[in-house]
N, C-alpha and C. Protein backbone atom coordinates (compact mmCIF):
# COMPACT_ATOMS: atom_id res chain seq x y z
N MET A 1 0.82 -1.20 0.00
CA MET A 1 0.00 0.00 0.00
C MET A 1 0.86 1.26 0.00
N ARG A 2 2.03 1.22 0.62
CA ARG A 2 2.91 2.38 0.68
C ARG A 2 3.37 2.81 -0.71
N ALA A 3 3.71 1.87 -1.59
CA ALA A 3 4.15 2.21 -2.94
C ALA A 3 3.06 2.98 -3.68
N ASN A 4 1.83 2.58 -3.48
CA ASN A 4 0.71 3.26 -4.10
C ASN A 4 0.61 4.70 -3.60
N SER A 5 0.79 4.89 -2.31
CA SER A 5 0.75 6.22 -1.71
C SER A 5 1.88 7.08 -2.25
N ASP A 6 3.09 6.52 -2.40
CA ASP A 6 4.22 7.25 -2.95
C ASP A 6 3.96 7.65 -4.40
N ALA A 7 3.37 6.75 -5.17
CA ALA A 7 3.06 7.04 -6.56
C ALA A 7 2.02 8.16 -6.66
N THR A 8 1.05 8.12 -5.77
CA THR A 8 0.02 9.16 -5.76
C THR A 8 0.64 10.51 -5.45
N ARG A 9 1.51 10.56 -4.46
CA ARG A 9 2.18 11.81 -4.11
C ARG A 9 3.03 12.33 -5.27
N ALA A 10 3.74 11.43 -5.94
CA ALA A 10 4.58 11.83 -7.08
C ALA A 10 3.73 12.40 -8.20
N PHE A 11 2.59 11.75 -8.46
CA PHE A 11 1.69 12.23 -9.50
C PHE A 11 1.13 13.60 -9.15
N GLU A 12 0.66 13.76 -7.93
CA GLU A 12 0.11 15.05 -7.50
C GLU A 12 1.15 16.14 -7.59
N SER A 13 2.38 15.82 -7.26
CA SER A 13 3.46 16.79 -7.34
C SER A 13 3.72 17.18 -8.80
N ALA A 14 3.66 16.20 -9.69
CA ALA A 14 3.93 16.45 -11.11
C ALA A 14 2.87 17.34 -11.74
N VAL A 15 1.62 17.18 -11.34
CA VAL A 15 0.55 17.97 -11.95
C VAL A 15 0.16 19.17 -11.09
N GLY A 16 0.81 19.36 -9.99
CA GLY A 16 0.50 20.47 -9.10
C GLY A 16 1.05 21.78 -9.61
N ALA A 17 1.18 22.72 -8.71
CA ALA A 17 1.67 24.05 -9.07
C ALA A 17 3.09 23.98 -9.61
N PRO A 18 3.38 24.76 -10.64
CA PRO A 18 4.73 24.76 -11.19
C PRO A 18 5.73 25.27 -10.17
N SER A 19 6.93 24.76 -10.26
CA SER A 19 7.97 25.19 -9.33
C SER A 19 8.42 26.61 -9.70
N PRO A 20 9.00 27.32 -8.74
CA PRO A 20 9.38 28.72 -8.98
C PRO A 20 10.40 28.89 -10.11
N GLU A 21 11.17 27.87 -10.42
CA GLU A 21 12.18 27.99 -11.47
C GLU A 21 11.71 27.46 -12.82
N GLN A 22 10.48 26.99 -12.90
CA GLN A 22 9.94 26.40 -14.12
C GLN A 22 9.84 27.44 -15.24
N ARG A 23 10.27 27.05 -16.44
CA ARG A 23 10.23 27.93 -17.60
C ARG A 23 8.91 27.79 -18.34
N TYR A 24 8.45 28.89 -18.91
CA TYR A 24 7.20 28.93 -19.65
C TYR A 24 7.49 29.24 -21.11
N ALA A 25 6.81 28.54 -22.00
CA ALA A 25 6.85 28.83 -23.43
C ALA A 25 5.42 29.19 -23.83
N LEU A 26 5.25 30.42 -24.30
CA LEU A 26 3.92 30.93 -24.63
C LEU A 26 3.91 31.42 -26.08
N ARG A 27 2.77 31.21 -26.74
CA ARG A 27 2.57 31.73 -28.09
C ARG A 27 1.30 32.57 -28.08
N LEU A 28 1.43 33.79 -28.57
CA LEU A 28 0.28 34.69 -28.65
C LEU A 28 -0.04 34.90 -30.13
N TYR A 29 -1.22 34.45 -30.54
CA TYR A 29 -1.69 34.60 -31.91
C TYR A 29 -2.55 35.86 -31.99
N VAL A 30 -2.18 36.75 -32.92
CA VAL A 30 -2.88 38.02 -33.08
C VAL A 30 -3.14 38.27 -34.57
N THR A 31 -3.91 39.33 -34.85
CA THR A 31 -4.18 39.75 -36.22
C THR A 31 -3.65 41.16 -36.42
N GLY A 32 -2.43 41.27 -36.87
CA GLY A 32 -1.84 42.57 -37.14
C GLY A 32 -1.67 43.42 -35.90
N MET A 33 -1.59 44.72 -36.12
CA MET A 33 -1.39 45.67 -35.02
C MET A 33 -2.71 46.35 -34.64
N THR A 34 -3.76 45.57 -34.55
CA THR A 34 -5.06 46.11 -34.16
C THR A 34 -5.05 46.49 -32.69
N PRO A 35 -5.98 47.33 -32.26
CA PRO A 35 -6.04 47.68 -30.84
C PRO A 35 -6.19 46.44 -29.94
N ARG A 36 -6.99 45.48 -30.36
CA ARG A 36 -7.17 44.26 -29.56
C ARG A 36 -5.88 43.45 -29.46
N SER A 37 -5.15 43.36 -30.57
CA SER A 37 -3.88 42.63 -30.57
C SER A 37 -2.86 43.32 -29.68
N THR A 38 -2.80 44.64 -29.78
CA THR A 38 -1.86 45.42 -28.98
C THR A 38 -2.19 45.29 -27.50
N GLU A 39 -3.48 45.36 -27.16
CA GLU A 39 -3.91 45.21 -25.76
C GLU A 39 -3.59 43.82 -25.23
N ALA A 40 -3.82 42.80 -26.04
CA ALA A 40 -3.53 41.42 -25.62
C ALA A 40 -2.04 41.26 -25.34
N PHE A 41 -1.20 41.78 -26.23
CA PHE A 41 0.25 41.69 -26.04
C PHE A 41 0.67 42.41 -24.76
N ALA A 42 0.16 43.62 -24.56
CA ALA A 42 0.53 44.40 -23.37
C ALA A 42 0.12 43.68 -22.09
N SER A 43 -1.07 43.09 -22.08
CA SER A 43 -1.55 42.37 -20.89
C SER A 43 -0.69 41.16 -20.58
N ILE A 44 -0.40 40.36 -21.60
CA ILE A 44 0.39 39.15 -21.39
C ILE A 44 1.82 39.51 -21.01
N LYS A 45 2.39 40.50 -21.66
CA LYS A 45 3.76 40.92 -21.34
C LYS A 45 3.85 41.40 -19.88
N ALA A 46 2.86 42.15 -19.43
CA ALA A 46 2.86 42.64 -18.04
C ALA A 46 2.79 41.49 -17.05
N ILE A 47 1.93 40.52 -17.32
CA ILE A 47 1.81 39.35 -16.43
C ILE A 47 3.12 38.56 -16.42
N CYS A 48 3.71 38.37 -17.58
CA CYS A 48 4.97 37.62 -17.66
C CYS A 48 6.08 38.33 -16.89
N GLU A 49 6.17 39.65 -17.05
CA GLU A 49 7.22 40.39 -16.35
C GLU A 49 7.01 40.37 -14.84
N GLU A 50 5.76 40.39 -14.41
CA GLU A 50 5.48 40.39 -12.97
C GLU A 50 5.66 39.01 -12.35
N ARG A 51 5.15 37.98 -13.00
CA ARG A 51 5.11 36.63 -12.40
C ARG A 51 6.18 35.68 -12.90
N LEU A 52 6.74 35.92 -14.08
CA LEU A 52 7.67 34.95 -14.68
C LEU A 52 9.00 35.57 -15.07
N GLN A 53 9.35 36.65 -14.44
CA GLN A 53 10.54 37.41 -14.81
C GLN A 53 11.74 36.50 -15.08
N GLY A 54 12.23 36.55 -16.33
CA GLY A 54 13.41 35.78 -16.70
C GLY A 54 13.16 34.30 -16.93
N ARG A 55 11.89 33.86 -16.83
CA ARG A 55 11.60 32.42 -16.96
C ARG A 55 10.59 32.15 -18.06
N TYR A 56 10.50 33.02 -19.04
CA TYR A 56 9.49 32.79 -20.07
C TYR A 56 10.02 33.17 -21.45
N GLU A 57 9.41 32.55 -22.44
CA GLU A 57 9.64 32.91 -23.83
C GLU A 57 8.27 33.16 -24.44
N LEU A 58 8.04 34.37 -24.90
CA LEU A 58 6.77 34.75 -25.49
C LEU A 58 6.98 34.99 -26.97
N THR A 59 6.32 34.19 -27.80
CA THR A 59 6.39 34.33 -29.24
C THR A 59 5.06 34.90 -29.72
N VAL A 60 5.13 36.00 -30.46
CA VAL A 60 3.92 36.62 -31.01
C VAL A 60 3.83 36.23 -32.48
N ILE A 61 2.70 35.67 -32.85
CA ILE A 61 2.49 35.20 -34.21
C ILE A 61 1.32 35.97 -34.82
N ASP A 62 1.62 36.72 -35.87
CA ASP A 62 0.59 37.46 -36.59
C ASP A 62 0.03 36.52 -37.66
N ILE A 63 -1.23 36.15 -37.51
CA ILE A 63 -1.79 35.16 -38.43
C ILE A 63 -2.00 35.73 -39.83
N TYR A 64 -1.96 37.06 -40.00
CA TYR A 64 -1.99 37.63 -41.35
C TYR A 64 -0.68 37.33 -42.07
N GLN A 65 0.42 37.35 -41.34
CA GLN A 65 1.74 37.10 -41.93
C GLN A 65 2.07 35.61 -41.97
N ASN A 66 1.51 34.82 -41.06
CA ASN A 66 1.79 33.38 -40.98
C ASN A 66 0.50 32.58 -40.88
N PRO A 67 -0.34 32.62 -41.90
CA PRO A 67 -1.62 31.91 -41.81
C PRO A 67 -1.48 30.41 -41.63
N GLN A 68 -0.42 29.83 -42.17
CA GLN A 68 -0.24 28.38 -42.04
C GLN A 68 -0.04 27.97 -40.59
N LEU A 69 0.63 28.79 -39.79
CA LEU A 69 0.81 28.47 -38.37
C LEU A 69 -0.53 28.42 -37.66
N ALA A 70 -1.41 29.34 -38.00
CA ALA A 70 -2.74 29.34 -37.39
C ALA A 70 -3.51 28.09 -37.80
N ILE A 71 -3.38 27.68 -39.04
CA ILE A 71 -4.05 26.46 -39.50
C ILE A 71 -3.47 25.24 -38.80
N ASP A 72 -2.15 25.17 -38.72
CA ASP A 72 -1.48 24.03 -38.08
C ASP A 72 -1.87 23.89 -36.62
N GLU A 73 -2.02 25.02 -35.93
CA GLU A 73 -2.35 25.03 -34.50
C GLU A 73 -3.85 25.07 -34.24
N GLN A 74 -4.63 25.06 -35.31
CA GLN A 74 -6.09 25.10 -35.22
C GLN A 74 -6.59 26.32 -34.43
N ILE A 75 -6.03 27.46 -34.75
CA ILE A 75 -6.44 28.71 -34.13
C ILE A 75 -7.67 29.21 -34.88
N VAL A 76 -8.79 29.33 -34.20
CA VAL A 76 -10.04 29.73 -34.84
C VAL A 76 -10.50 31.13 -34.43
N ALA A 77 -9.90 31.71 -33.42
CA ALA A 77 -10.23 33.05 -32.96
C ALA A 77 -8.97 33.70 -32.41
N VAL A 78 -8.93 35.01 -32.49
CA VAL A 78 -7.78 35.73 -31.95
C VAL A 78 -8.28 36.90 -31.12
N PRO A 79 -7.53 37.34 -30.14
CA PRO A 79 -6.24 36.78 -29.76
C PRO A 79 -6.40 35.43 -29.05
N THR A 80 -5.40 34.58 -29.25
CA THR A 80 -5.32 33.31 -28.56
C THR A 80 -3.94 33.18 -27.95
N LEU A 81 -3.90 32.84 -26.67
CA LEU A 81 -2.64 32.58 -25.98
C LEU A 81 -2.54 31.08 -25.76
N VAL A 82 -1.43 30.49 -26.21
CA VAL A 82 -1.20 29.06 -26.04
C VAL A 82 -0.04 28.88 -25.07
N LYS A 83 -0.29 28.16 -23.99
CA LYS A 83 0.78 27.81 -23.05
C LYS A 83 1.30 26.45 -23.48
N VAL A 84 2.49 26.44 -24.05
CA VAL A 84 3.09 25.21 -24.54
C VAL A 84 3.79 24.48 -23.39
N LEU A 85 4.55 25.22 -22.61
CA LEU A 85 5.26 24.67 -21.45
C LEU A 85 4.99 25.58 -20.27
N PRO A 86 4.93 25.05 -19.08
CA PRO A 86 4.96 23.65 -18.70
C PRO A 86 3.61 22.98 -19.02
N PRO A 87 3.64 21.65 -19.14
CA PRO A 87 2.39 20.93 -19.40
C PRO A 87 1.40 21.16 -18.26
N PRO A 88 0.14 21.05 -18.51
CA PRO A 88 -0.51 20.68 -19.76
C PRO A 88 -0.64 21.88 -20.69
N LEU A 89 -0.77 21.60 -21.99
CA LEU A 89 -1.00 22.63 -22.98
C LEU A 89 -2.34 23.29 -22.69
N ARG A 90 -2.36 24.61 -22.75
CA ARG A 90 -3.60 25.35 -22.49
C ARG A 90 -3.78 26.41 -23.55
N ARG A 91 -5.03 26.73 -23.87
CA ARG A 91 -5.36 27.80 -24.81
C ARG A 91 -6.33 28.76 -24.14
N LEU A 92 -6.00 30.02 -24.21
CA LEU A 92 -6.88 31.08 -23.71
C LEU A 92 -7.29 31.93 -24.91
N VAL A 93 -8.57 32.04 -25.14
CA VAL A 93 -9.09 32.71 -26.33
C VAL A 93 -9.89 33.94 -25.92
N GLY A 94 -9.70 35.02 -26.68
CA GLY A 94 -10.52 36.20 -26.47
C GLY A 94 -9.86 37.24 -25.60
N ASP A 95 -10.63 37.83 -24.71
CA ASP A 95 -10.18 38.93 -23.86
C ASP A 95 -9.09 38.46 -22.90
N LEU A 96 -7.87 38.93 -23.13
CA LEU A 96 -6.75 38.55 -22.28
C LEU A 96 -6.42 39.63 -21.26
N SER A 97 -7.32 40.61 -21.11
CA SER A 97 -7.08 41.66 -20.12
C SER A 97 -7.61 41.27 -18.74
N ASN A 98 -8.38 40.20 -18.65
CA ASN A 98 -8.89 39.72 -17.36
C ASN A 98 -7.76 38.95 -16.67
N MET A 99 -7.08 39.64 -15.77
CA MET A 99 -5.88 39.08 -15.16
C MET A 99 -6.13 37.77 -14.42
N GLU A 100 -7.20 37.68 -13.66
CA GLU A 100 -7.49 36.45 -12.90
C GLU A 100 -7.69 35.26 -13.84
N ARG A 101 -8.39 35.49 -14.93
CA ARG A 101 -8.63 34.43 -15.91
C ARG A 101 -7.31 33.96 -16.53
N VAL A 102 -6.46 34.89 -16.89
CA VAL A 102 -5.17 34.55 -17.51
C VAL A 102 -4.27 33.86 -16.49
N LEU A 103 -4.20 34.37 -15.28
CA LEU A 103 -3.38 33.73 -14.24
C LEU A 103 -3.85 32.31 -13.98
N SER A 104 -5.14 32.11 -13.93
CA SER A 104 -5.70 30.78 -13.72
C SER A 104 -5.33 29.86 -14.89
N GLY A 105 -5.48 30.36 -16.10
CA GLY A 105 -5.16 29.57 -17.29
C GLY A 105 -3.70 29.20 -17.38
N LEU A 106 -2.84 30.04 -16.83
CA LEU A 106 -1.40 29.77 -16.85
C LEU A 106 -0.93 29.06 -15.57
N ASP A 107 -1.84 28.74 -14.68
CA ASP A 107 -1.52 28.12 -13.38
C ASP A 107 -0.58 29.01 -12.56
N LEU A 108 -0.86 30.30 -12.56
CA LEU A 108 -0.02 31.25 -11.82
C LEU A 108 -0.73 31.93 -10.67
N ARG A 109 -1.94 31.51 -10.37
CA ARG A 109 -2.63 32.12 -9.22
C ARG A 109 -1.90 31.72 -7.95
N ARG A 110 -1.80 32.67 -7.05
CA ARG A 110 -1.14 32.39 -5.77
C ARG A 110 -2.07 31.54 -4.91
N LYS A 111 -1.49 30.60 -4.23
CA LYS A 111 -2.25 29.74 -3.33
C LYS A 111 -2.61 30.51 -2.07
N PRO A 112 -3.84 30.31 -1.52
CA PRO A 112 -4.23 31.03 -0.30
C PRO A 112 -3.39 30.61 0.89
């Protein structure tokens, strides 16, 4: 029974909150330099600088310039933020100015 308990703890640890040194890979899909795209970038950049300083890579993909990437990733609405790393992969679509929603989607909410 102890081995089962150890396995459960290991699994919970693996899917739990990311460690403070964990790196993030994010992709932000936008449509040109529209006000919505600019706002989405500013919101995500601010969150990354505040919560992930030095531990993130943010790639901005303009689907007007790279439509094939949007097709390959099955992006159907913009702006879309894709959290590639750490697992699990997550997609946040639409209004990215809601900080609580974005923090939750990126698993960055502080624990009570």
